[in-house]
Structure formats: C-alpha cells, structure tokens
PDB file of all heavy atoms in Angstrom:
ATOM      1  N   LEU A   1      56.930 184.586   4.252  1.00  0.00           N
ATOM      2  CA  LEU A   1      56.175 185.832   4.232  1.00  0.00           C
ATOM      3  C   LEU A   1      56.277 186.535   5.578  1.00  0.00           C
ATOM      4  O   LEU A   1      56.535 187.728   5.658  1.00  0.00           O
ATOM      5  CB  LEU A   1      54.710 185.570   3.869  1.00  0.00           C
ATOM      6  CG  LEU A   1      53.802 186.796   3.827  1.00  0.00           C
ATOM      7  CD1 LEU A   1      54.281 187.772   2.753  1.00  0.00           C
ATOM      8  CD2 LEU A   1      52.365 186.371   3.550  1.00  0.00           C
ATOM      9  N   TYR A   2      56.097 185.789   6.674  1.00  0.00           N
ATOM     10  CA  TYR A   2      56.192 186.365   8.013  1.00  0.00           C
ATOM     11  C   TYR A   2      57.577 186.954   8.246  1.00  0.00           C
ATOM     12  O   TYR A   2      57.708 188.088   8.685  1.00  0.00           O
ATOM     13  CB  TYR A   2      55.883 185.313   9.077  1.00  0.00           C
ATOM     14  CG  TYR A   2      56.197 185.785  10.469  1.00  0.00           C
ATOM     15  CD1 TYR A   2      55.350 186.666  11.121  1.00  0.00           C
ATOM     16  CD2 TYR A   2      57.355 185.376  11.120  1.00  0.00           C
ATOM     17  CE1 TYR A   2      55.637 187.126  12.382  1.00  0.00           C
ATOM     18  CE2 TYR A   2      57.651 185.829  12.390  1.00  0.00           C
ATOM     19  CZ  TYR A   2      56.789 186.702  13.027  1.00  0.00           C
ATOM     20  OH  TYR A   2      57.099 187.159  14.283  1.00  0.00           O
ATOM     21  N   LEU A   3      58.606 186.198   7.945  1.00  0.00           N
ATOM     22  CA  LEU A   3      59.973 186.683   8.166  1.00  0.00           C
ATOM     23  C   LEU A   3      60.267 187.897   7.300  1.00  0.00           C
ATOM     24  O   LEU A   3      60.944 188.821   7.741  1.00  0.00           O
ATOM     25  CB  LEU A   3      60.996 185.576   7.902  1.00  0.00           C
ATOM     26  CG  LEU A   3      60.974 184.419   8.890  1.00  0.00           C
ATOM     27  CD1 LEU A   3      61.973 183.352   8.464  1.00  0.00           C
ATOM     28  CD2 LEU A   3      61.244 184.885  10.304  1.00  0.00           C
ATOM     29  N   GLY A   4      59.759 187.927   6.090  1.00  0.00           N
ATOM     30  CA  GLY A   4      59.944 189.098   5.229  1.00  0.00           C
ATOM     31  C   GLY A   4      59.289 190.319   5.823  1.00  0.00           C
ATOM     32  O   GLY A   4      59.851 191.406   5.819  1.00  0.00           O
ATOM     33  N   GLN A   5      58.109 190.174   6.376  1.00  0.00           N
ATOM     34  CA  GLN A   5      57.413 191.296   6.990  1.00  0.00           C
ATOM     35  C   GLN A   5      58.117 191.750   8.253  1.00  0.00           C
ATOM     36  O   GLN A   5      58.054 192.898   8.635  1.00  0.00           O
ATOM     37  CB  GLN A   5      55.956 190.928   7.307  1.00  0.00           C
ATOM     38  CG  GLN A   5      55.097 190.756   6.084  1.00  0.00           C
ATOM     39  CD  GLN A   5      54.929 192.044   5.306  1.00  0.00           C
ATOM     40  OE1 GLN A   5      54.970 193.131   5.854  1.00  0.00           O
ATOM     41  NE2 GLN A   5      54.772 191.929   4.013  1.00  0.00           N
ATOM     42  N   ARG A   6      58.807 190.860   8.941  1.00  0.00           N
ATOM     43  CA  ARG A   6      59.497 191.196  10.178  1.00  0.00           C
ATOM     44  C   ARG A   6      60.907 191.724   9.923  1.00  0.00           C
ATOM     45  O   ARG A   6      61.629 192.019  10.853  1.00  0.00           O
ATOM     46  CB  ARG A   6      59.574 189.979  11.098  1.00  0.00           C
ATOM     47  CG  ARG A   6      58.242 189.489  11.566  1.00  0.00           C
ATOM     48  CD  ARG A   6      57.612 190.410  12.572  1.00  0.00           C
ATOM     49  NE  ARG A   6      58.479 190.467  13.724  1.00  0.00           N
ATOM     50  CZ  ARG A   6      58.652 191.538  14.469  1.00  0.00           C
ATOM     51  NH1 ARG A   6      58.022 192.631  14.205  1.00  0.00           N
ATOM     52  NH2 ARG A   6      59.461 191.518  15.498  1.00  0.00           N
ATOM     53  N   GLY A   7      61.331 191.823   8.679  1.00  0.00           N
ATOM     54  CA  GLY A   7      62.636 192.407   8.383  1.00  0.00           C
ATOM     55  C   GLY A   7      63.806 191.488   8.650  1.00  0.00           C
ATOM     56  O   GLY A   7      64.880 191.954   8.980  1.00  0.00           O
ATOM     57  N   ARG A   8      63.633 190.197   8.534  1.00  0.00           N
ATOM     58  CA  ARG A   8      64.722 189.264   8.830  1.00  0.00           C
ATOM     59  C   ARG A   8      65.380 188.775   7.549  1.00  0.00           C
ATOM     60  O   ARG A   8      65.478 187.593   7.309  1.00  0.00           O
ATOM     61  CB  ARG A   8      64.194 188.080   9.623  1.00  0.00           C
ATOM     62  CG  ARG A   8      63.639 188.472  10.955  1.00  0.00           C
ATOM     63  CD  ARG A   8      63.134 187.254  11.682  1.00  0.00           C
ATOM     64  NE  ARG A   8      62.291 187.639  12.768  1.00  0.00           N
ATOM     65  CZ  ARG A   8      62.598 187.464  14.039  1.00  0.00           C
ATOM     66  NH1 ARG A   8      63.712 186.905  14.376  1.00  0.00           N
ATOM     67  NH2 ARG A   8      61.770 187.856  14.975  1.00  0.00           N
ATOM     68  N   GLY A   9      65.820 189.709   6.731  1.00  0.00           N
ATOM     69  CA  GLY A   9      66.589 189.319   5.563  1.00  0.00           C
ATOM     70  C   GLY A   9      65.799 189.246   4.273  1.00  0.00           C
ATOM     71  O   GLY A   9      66.379 189.223   3.211  1.00  0.00           O
ATOM     72  N   LEU A  10      64.499 189.163   4.327  1.00  0.00           N
ATOM     73  CA  LEU A  10      63.696 189.127   3.115  1.00  0.00           C
ATOM     74  C   LEU A  10      63.010 190.473   2.957  1.00  0.00           C
ATOM     75  O   LEU A  10      62.595 191.086   3.932  1.00  0.00           O
ATOM     76  CB  LEU A  10      62.649 188.016   3.193  1.00  0.00           C
ATOM     77  CG  LEU A  10      63.207 186.602   3.354  1.00  0.00           C
ATOM     78  CD1 LEU A  10      62.072 185.613   3.569  1.00  0.00           C
ATOM     79  CD2 LEU A  10      64.026 186.214   2.143  1.00  0.00           C
ATOM     80  N   ALA A  11      62.877 190.943   1.747  1.00  0.00           N
ATOM     81  CA  ALA A  11      62.255 192.246   1.504  1.00  0.00           C
ATOM     82  C   ALA A  11      60.796 192.217   1.921  1.00  0.00           C
ATOM     83  O   ALA A  11      60.080 191.278   1.576  1.00  0.00           O
ATOM     84  CB  ALA A  11      62.357 192.608   0.023  1.00  0.00           C
ATOM     85  N   PRO A  12      60.348 193.215   2.695  1.00  0.00           N
ATOM     86  CA  PRO A  12      58.929 193.254   3.051  1.00  0.00           C
ATOM     87  C   PRO A  12      58.067 193.333   1.798  1.00  0.00           C
ATOM     88  O   PRO A  12      58.312 194.141   0.920  1.00  0.00           O
ATOM     89  CB  PRO A  12      58.805 194.527   3.873  1.00  0.00           C
ATOM     90  CG  PRO A  12      60.188 194.795   4.374  1.00  0.00           C
ATOM     91  CD  PRO A  12      61.101 194.269   3.302  1.00  0.00           C
ATOM     92  N   VAL A  13      57.075 192.491   1.729  1.00  0.00           N
ATOM     93  CA  VAL A  13      56.251 192.361   0.535  1.00  0.00           C
ATOM     94  C   VAL A  13      55.527 193.667   0.216  1.00  0.00           C
ATOM     95  O   VAL A  13      55.516 194.114  -0.916  1.00  0.00           O
ATOM     96  CB  VAL A  13      55.235 191.211   0.734  1.00  0.00           C
ATOM     97  CG1 VAL A  13      54.263 191.158  -0.429  1.00  0.00           C
ATOM     98  CG2 VAL A  13      55.968 189.892   0.896  1.00  0.00           C
ATOM     99  N   ARG A  14      54.929 194.314   1.210  1.00  0.00           N
ATOM    100  CA  ARG A  14      54.115 195.494   0.952  1.00  0.00           C
ATOM    101  C   ARG A  14      54.933 196.708   0.536  1.00  0.00           C
ATOM    102  O   ARG A  14      54.439 197.565  -0.159  1.00  0.00           O
ATOM    103  CB  ARG A  14      53.305 195.863   2.192  1.00  0.00           C
ATOM    104  CG  ARG A  14      52.214 194.861   2.483  1.00  0.00           C
ATOM    105  CD  ARG A  14      51.358 195.310   3.613  1.00  0.00           C
ATOM    106  NE  ARG A  14      52.167 195.717   4.741  1.00  0.00           N
ATOM    107  CZ  ARG A  14      51.749 196.541   5.684  1.00  0.00           C
ATOM    108  NH1 ARG A  14      50.561 197.042   5.652  1.00  0.00           N
ATOM    109  NH2 ARG A  14      52.531 196.863   6.689  1.00  0.00           N
ATOM    110  N   SER A  15      56.179 196.814   0.985  1.00  0.00           N
ATOM    111  CA  SER A  15      56.931 198.035   0.717  1.00  0.00           C
ATOM    112  C   SER A  15      57.894 197.907  -0.457  1.00  0.00           C
ATOM    113  O   SER A  15      58.554 198.870  -0.809  1.00  0.00           O
ATOM    114  CB  SER A  15      57.704 198.452   1.965  1.00  0.00           C
ATOM    115  OG  SER A  15      58.651 197.471   2.297  1.00  0.00           O
ATOM    116  N   ALA A  16      57.974 196.739  -1.062  1.00  0.00           N
ATOM    117  CA  ALA A  16      58.949 196.512  -2.124  1.00  0.00           C
ATOM    118  C   ALA A  16      58.755 197.467  -3.297  1.00  0.00           C
ATOM    119  O   ALA A  16      59.709 197.854  -3.947  1.00  0.00           O
ATOM    120  CB  ALA A  16      58.880 195.067  -2.603  1.00  0.00           C
ATOM    121  N   HIS A  17      57.528 197.872  -3.566  1.00  0.00           N
ATOM    122  CA  HIS A  17      57.248 198.692  -4.736  1.00  0.00           C
ATOM    123  C   HIS A  17      57.036 200.169  -4.398  1.00  0.00           C
ATOM    124  O   HIS A  17      56.786 200.958  -5.289  1.00  0.00           O
ATOM    125  CB  HIS A  17      56.009 198.140  -5.449  1.00  0.00           C
ATOM    126  CG  HIS A  17      54.761 198.294  -4.642  1.00  0.00           C
ATOM    127  ND1 HIS A  17      54.451 197.436  -3.621  1.00  0.00           N
ATOM    128  CD2 HIS A  17      53.779 199.219  -4.688  1.00  0.00           C
ATOM    129  CE1 HIS A  17      53.302 197.827  -3.073  1.00  0.00           C
ATOM    130  NE2 HIS A  17      52.877 198.892  -3.698  1.00  0.00           N
ATOM    131  N   LEU A  18      57.127 200.546  -3.129  1.00  0.00           N
ATOM    132  CA  LEU A  18      56.830 201.922  -2.744  1.00  0.00           C
ATOM    133  C   LEU A  18      58.048 202.821  -2.884  1.00  0.00           C
ATOM    134  O   LEU A  18      59.172 202.418  -2.618  1.00  0.00           O
ATOM    135  CB  LEU A  18      56.331 201.974  -1.304  1.00  0.00           C
ATOM    136  CG  LEU A  18      55.018 201.273  -1.023  1.00  0.00           C
ATOM    137  CD1 LEU A  18      54.701 201.318   0.462  1.00  0.00           C
ATOM    138  CD2 LEU A  18      53.889 201.897  -1.821  1.00  0.00           C
ATOM    139  N   SER A  19      57.780 204.051  -3.297  1.00  0.00           N
ATOM    140  CA  SER A  19      58.838 205.048  -3.338  1.00  0.00           C
ATOM    141  C   SER A  19      58.242 206.347  -2.794  1.00  0.00           C
ATOM    142  O   SER A  19      57.073 206.393  -2.438  1.00  0.00           O
ATOM    143  CB  SER A  19      59.354 205.232  -4.767  1.00  0.00           C
ATOM    144  OG  SER A  19      58.297 205.685  -5.599  1.00  0.00           O
ATOM    145  N   GLY A  20      59.032 207.380  -2.758  1.00  0.00           N
ATOM    146  CA  GLY A  20      58.539 208.658  -2.273  1.00  0.00           C
ATOM    147  C   GLY A  20      58.195 208.603  -0.789  1.00  0.00           C
ATOM    148  O   GLY A  20      58.738 207.795  -0.044  1.00  0.00           O
ATOM    149  N   PRO A  21      57.284 209.465  -0.337  1.00  0.00           N
ATOM    150  CA  PRO A  21      56.949 209.546   1.090  1.00  0.00           C
ATOM    151  C   PRO A  21      56.448 208.230   1.685  1.00  0.00           C
ATOM    152  O   PRO A  21      56.820 207.878   2.801  1.00  0.00           O
ATOM    153  CB  PRO A  21      55.852 210.613   1.140  1.00  0.00           C
ATOM    154  CG  PRO A  21      56.065 211.442  -0.080  1.00  0.00           C
ATOM    155  CD  PRO A  21      56.603 210.500  -1.123  1.00  0.00           C
ATOM    156  N   SER A  22      55.636 207.495   0.940  1.00  0.00           N
ATOM    157  CA  SER A  22      55.143 206.212   1.465  1.00  0.00           C
ATOM    158  C   SER A  22      56.295 205.241   1.671  1.00  0.00           C
ATOM    159  O   SER A  22      56.350 204.527   2.676  1.00  0.00           O
ATOM    160  CB  SER A  22      54.100 205.615   0.527  1.00  0.00           C
ATOM    161  OG  SER A  22      52.963 206.436   0.474  1.00  0.00           O
ATOM    162  N   GLY A  23      57.213 205.209   0.733  1.00  0.00           N
ATOM    163  CA  GLY A  23      58.390 204.362   0.873  1.00  0.00           C
ATOM    164  C   GLY A  23      59.263 204.795   2.039  1.00  0.00           C
ATOM    165  O   GLY A  23      59.819 203.959   2.750  1.00  0.00           O
ATOM    166  N   GLU A  24      59.372 206.120   2.255  1.00  0.00           N
ATOM    167  CA  GLU A  24      60.146 206.627   3.394  1.00  0.00           C
ATOM    168  C   GLU A  24      59.518 206.187   4.707  1.00  0.00           C
ATOM    169  O   GLU A  24      60.222 205.796   5.647  1.00  0.00           O
ATOM    170  CB  GLU A  24      60.230 208.151   3.343  1.00  0.00           C
ATOM    171  CG  GLU A  24      61.081 208.693   2.217  1.00  0.00           C
ATOM    172  CD  GLU A  24      61.064 210.215   2.172  1.00  0.00           C
ATOM    173  OE1 GLU A  24      61.224 210.844   3.240  1.00  0.00           O
ATOM    174  OE2 GLU A  24      60.873 210.774   1.076  1.00  0.00           O
ATOM    175  N   MET A  25      58.184 206.247   4.792  1.00  0.00           N
ATOM    176  CA  MET A  25      57.517 205.828   6.026  1.00  0.00           C
ATOM    177  C   MET A  25      57.666 204.326   6.239  1.00  0.00           C
ATOM    178  O   MET A  25      57.911 203.878   7.367  1.00  0.00           O
ATOM    179  CB  MET A  25      56.046 206.248   6.013  1.00  0.00           C
ATOM    180  CG  MET A  25      55.893 207.754   6.198  1.00  0.00           C
ATOM    181  SD  MET A  25      54.216 208.285   6.566  1.00  0.00           S
ATOM    182  CE  MET A  25      53.362 207.833   5.063  1.00  0.00           C
ATOM    183  N   MET A  26      57.552 203.544   5.175  1.00  0.00           N
ATOM    184  CA  MET A  26      57.753 202.097   5.314  1.00  0.00           C
ATOM    185  C   MET A  26      59.200 201.795   5.697  1.00  0.00           C
ATOM    186  O   MET A  26      59.461 200.857   6.452  1.00  0.00           O
ATOM    187  CB  MET A  26      57.361 201.370   4.028  1.00  0.00           C
ATOM    188  CG  MET A  26      55.868 201.300   3.797  1.00  0.00           C
ATOM    189  SD  MET A  26      54.925 200.538   5.147  1.00  0.00           S
ATOM    190  CE  MET A  26      55.526 198.856   5.079  1.00  0.00           C
ATOM    191  N   GLY A  27      60.133 202.604   5.212  1.00  0.00           N
ATOM    192  CA  GLY A  27      61.531 202.439   5.618  1.00  0.00           C
ATOM    193  C   GLY A  27      61.698 202.661   7.114  1.00  0.00           C
ATOM    194  O   GLY A  27      62.441 201.934   7.783  1.00  0.00           O
ATOM    195  N   ALA A  28      60.997 203.659   7.656  1.00  0.00           N
ATOM    196  CA  ALA A  28      61.051 203.922   9.101  1.00  0.00           C
ATOM    197  C   ALA A  28      60.498 202.722   9.869  1.00  0.00           C
ATOM    198  O   ALA A  28      61.053 202.313  10.893  1.00  0.00           O
ATOM    199  CB  ALA A  28      60.266 205.190   9.441  1.00  0.00           C
ATOM    200  N   MET A  29      59.413 202.147   9.363  1.00  0.00           N
ATOM    201  CA  MET A  29      58.839 200.961  10.009  1.00  0.00           C
ATOM    202  C   MET A  29      59.814 199.786   9.937  1.00  0.00           C
ATOM    203  O   MET A  29      59.992 199.050  10.909  1.00  0.00           O
ATOM    204  CB  MET A  29      57.517 200.583   9.341  1.00  0.00           C
ATOM    205  CG  MET A  29      56.405 201.573   9.575  1.00  0.00           C
ATOM    206  SD  MET A  29      55.883 201.655  11.301  1.00  0.00           S
ATOM    207  CE  MET A  29      55.125 200.048  11.473  1.00  0.00           C
ATOM    208  N   HIS A  30      60.453 199.625   8.801  1.00  0.00           N
ATOM    209  CA  HIS A  30      61.409 198.532   8.621  1.00  0.00           C
ATOM    210  C   HIS A  30      62.575 198.687   9.601  1.00  0.00           C
ATOM    211  O   HIS A  30      62.981 197.718  10.249  1.00  0.00           O
ATOM    212  CB  HIS A  30      61.894 198.506   7.168  1.00  0.00           C
ATOM    213  CG  HIS A  30      62.832 197.397   6.868  1.00  0.00           C
ATOM    214  ND1 HIS A  30      62.444 196.075   6.800  1.00  0.00           N
ATOM    215  CD2 HIS A  30      64.158 197.404   6.616  1.00  0.00           C
ATOM    216  CE1 HIS A  30      63.487 195.323   6.536  1.00  0.00           C
ATOM    217  NE2 HIS A  30      64.538 196.103   6.416  1.00  0.00           N
ATOM    218  N   ARG A  31      63.103 199.907   9.725  1.00  0.00           N
ATOM    219  CA  ARG A  31      64.210 200.147  10.669  1.00  0.00           C
ATOM    220  C   ARG A  31      63.774 199.859  12.103  1.00  0.00           C
ATOM    221  O   ARG A  31      64.551 199.334  12.906  1.00  0.00           O
ATOM    222  CB  ARG A  31      64.740 201.570  10.516  1.00  0.00           C
ATOM    223  CG  ARG A  31      65.552 201.760   9.228  1.00  0.00           C
ATOM    224  CD  ARG A  31      66.190 203.136   9.155  1.00  0.00           C
ATOM    225  NE  ARG A  31      65.222 204.221   9.052  1.00  0.00           N
ATOM    226  CZ  ARG A  31      64.605 204.582   7.927  1.00  0.00           C
ATOM    227  NH1 ARG A  31      64.844 203.931   6.795  1.00  0.00           N
ATOM    228  NH2 ARG A  31      63.761 205.595   7.913  1.00  0.00           N
ATOM    229  N   MET A  32      62.525 200.208  12.436  1.00  0.00           N
ATOM    230  CA  MET A  32      62.019 199.935  13.779  1.00  0.00           C
ATOM    231  C   MET A  32      62.002 198.428  14.037  1.00  0.00           C
ATOM    232  O   MET A  32      62.452 197.971  15.090  1.00  0.00           O
ATOM    233  CB  MET A  32      60.605 200.497  13.951  1.00  0.00           C
ATOM    234  CG  MET A  32      59.975 200.122  15.288  1.00  0.00           C
ATOM    235  SD  MET A  32      58.206 200.456  15.388  1.00  0.00           S
ATOM    236  CE  MET A  32      57.548 199.241  14.248  1.00  0.00           C
ATOM    237  N   HIS A  33      61.510 197.662  13.061  1.00  0.00           N
ATOM    238  CA  HIS A  33      61.461 196.211  13.237  1.00  0.00           C
ATOM    239  C   HIS A  33      62.864 195.628  13.353  1.00  0.00           C
ATOM    240  O   HIS A  33      63.090 194.730  14.171  1.00  0.00           O
ATOM    241  CB  HIS A  33      60.697 195.560  12.078  1.00  0.00           C
ATOM    242  CG  HIS A  33      59.227 195.767  12.174  1.00  0.00           C
ATOM    243  ND1 HIS A  33      58.331 194.763  12.443  1.00  0.00           N
ATOM    244  CD2 HIS A  33      58.476 196.893  12.053  1.00  0.00           C
ATOM    245  CE1 HIS A  33      57.106 195.246  12.481  1.00  0.00           C
ATOM    246  NE2 HIS A  33      57.175 196.536  12.241  1.00  0.00           N
TER     247      HIS A  33
END
C-alpha cells in the first residue's frame, strides 16, 4: 500500500478510480512523486 501511494510501480489506491479534473490533479501528484 505504501509503495503504491509513493508511485513505485503499483497504482495509487486513491486515484485508481478518478477521472476528469480530480484524476488530472492526482496525475500531477503522481508525477511529482
């Protein structure tokens, strides 16, 4: 779970189901990590 949230190869749990603007913002967070 920790590694997934940190973007180390596993899909982040919270953003897996998001689309639209929320998904775009989570994508920005994922790229930052």
